[in-house]
Protein backbone atom coordinates (compact mmCIF):
# COMPACT_ATOMS: atom_id res chain seq x y z
CA UNK A 1 -110.11 -55.79 -32.85
CA UNK A 2 -112.02 -52.79 -34.04
CA UNK A 3 -111.88 -50.54 -30.98
CA UNK A 4 -109.62 -47.67 -30.15
CA UNK A 5 -106.49 -48.59 -28.21
CA UNK A 6 -102.80 -47.63 -28.12
CA UNK A 7 -100.83 -50.48 -29.73
CA UNK A 8 -97.63 -51.87 -28.24
CA UNK A 9 -95.82 -51.80 -31.59
CA UNK A 10 -95.49 -48.76 -33.83
CA UNK A 11 -95.58 -46.13 -31.11
CA UNK A 12 -93.60 -42.93 -31.43
CA UNK A 13 -94.46 -41.11 -28.22
CA UNK A 14 -97.68 -42.31 -26.62
CA UNK A 15 -99.24 -44.39 -29.36
CA UNK A 16 -102.24 -42.12 -29.82
CA UNK A 17 -101.66 -41.49 -33.54
CA UNK A 18 -100.88 -45.15 -34.18
CA UNK A 19 -104.08 -46.14 -32.38
CA UNK A 20 -106.19 -43.67 -34.33
CA UNK A 21 -104.61 -44.84 -37.58
CA UNK A 22 -105.40 -48.49 -36.84
CA UNK A 23 -108.94 -47.66 -35.77
CA UNK A 24 -109.74 -45.73 -38.95
CA UNK A 25 -107.64 -47.77 -41.41
CA UNK A 26 -105.09 -45.08 -42.19
CA UNK A 27 -101.32 -44.92 -42.25
CA UNK A 28 -99.78 -44.02 -38.90
CA UNK A 29 -97.46 -41.55 -40.62
CA UNK A 30 -100.43 -39.80 -42.24
CA UNK A 31 -102.12 -39.37 -38.86
CA UNK A 32 -98.85 -38.13 -37.33
CA UNK A 33 -98.42 -35.63 -40.15
CA UNK A 34 -101.98 -34.39 -39.73
CA UNK A 35 -101.44 -34.03 -35.98
CA UNK A 36 -98.22 -32.13 -36.54
CA UNK A 37 -99.77 -29.84 -39.15
CA UNK A 38 -102.77 -29.18 -36.91
CA UNK A 39 -100.41 -27.71 -34.31
CA UNK A 40 -99.87 -24.78 -36.68
CA UNK A 41 -103.56 -23.88 -36.31
CA UNK A 42 -104.82 -22.18 -33.17
CA UNK A 43 -106.51 -24.49 -30.71
CA UNK A 44 -105.95 -27.05 -27.98
CA UNK A 45 -104.43 -29.84 -30.15
CA UNK A 46 -101.59 -30.60 -27.73
CA UNK A 47 -103.99 -30.78 -24.80
CA UNK A 48 -106.31 -33.10 -26.76
CA UNK A 49 -103.35 -35.40 -27.50
CA UNK A 50 -102.46 -35.53 -23.80
CA UNK A 51 -106.07 -36.27 -22.83
CA UNK A 52 -106.26 -39.08 -25.42
CA UNK A 53 -102.96 -40.47 -24.14
CA UNK A 54 -104.49 -40.76 -20.67
CA UNK A 55 -107.99 -41.87 -21.72
CA UNK A 56 -107.30 -44.42 -24.50
CA UNK A 57 -106.31 -47.79 -23.02
CA UNK A 58 -103.12 -49.56 -24.00
CA UNK A 59 -103.40 -52.70 -26.09
CA UNK A 60 -102.82 -54.96 -23.08
CA UNK A 61 -105.63 -53.40 -21.06
CA UNK A 62 -107.92 -53.36 -24.11
CA UNK A 63 -107.39 -57.07 -24.78
CA UNK A 64 -107.87 -57.95 -21.11
CA UNK A 65 -111.13 -56.02 -21.01
CA UNK A 66 -112.55 -57.50 -24.25
CA UNK A 67 -111.49 -61.12 -23.76
CA UNK A 68 -114.22 -62.11 -21.29
C-alpha cells in the first residue's frame, strides 16, 4: 500500500505522523520530532495536524476503499 493512511499500529496520538512516515519511507520518530520542532516556529502547525487527523483515512477505511 503506497497511499496515505493512519495505521492501526504505531500510533501515538492520532497516527498522522506514523502515516506520513510510512508514506514517505521515514522513521516515525523522525517525523514526530520534526512535527514537535516545527511547533517552535510561528504558524498553524497544530491546526494542520488536526486537519490531517480528520482528513486522512484510518487503515481500515483505506483498505476497504482500495480492495475493490
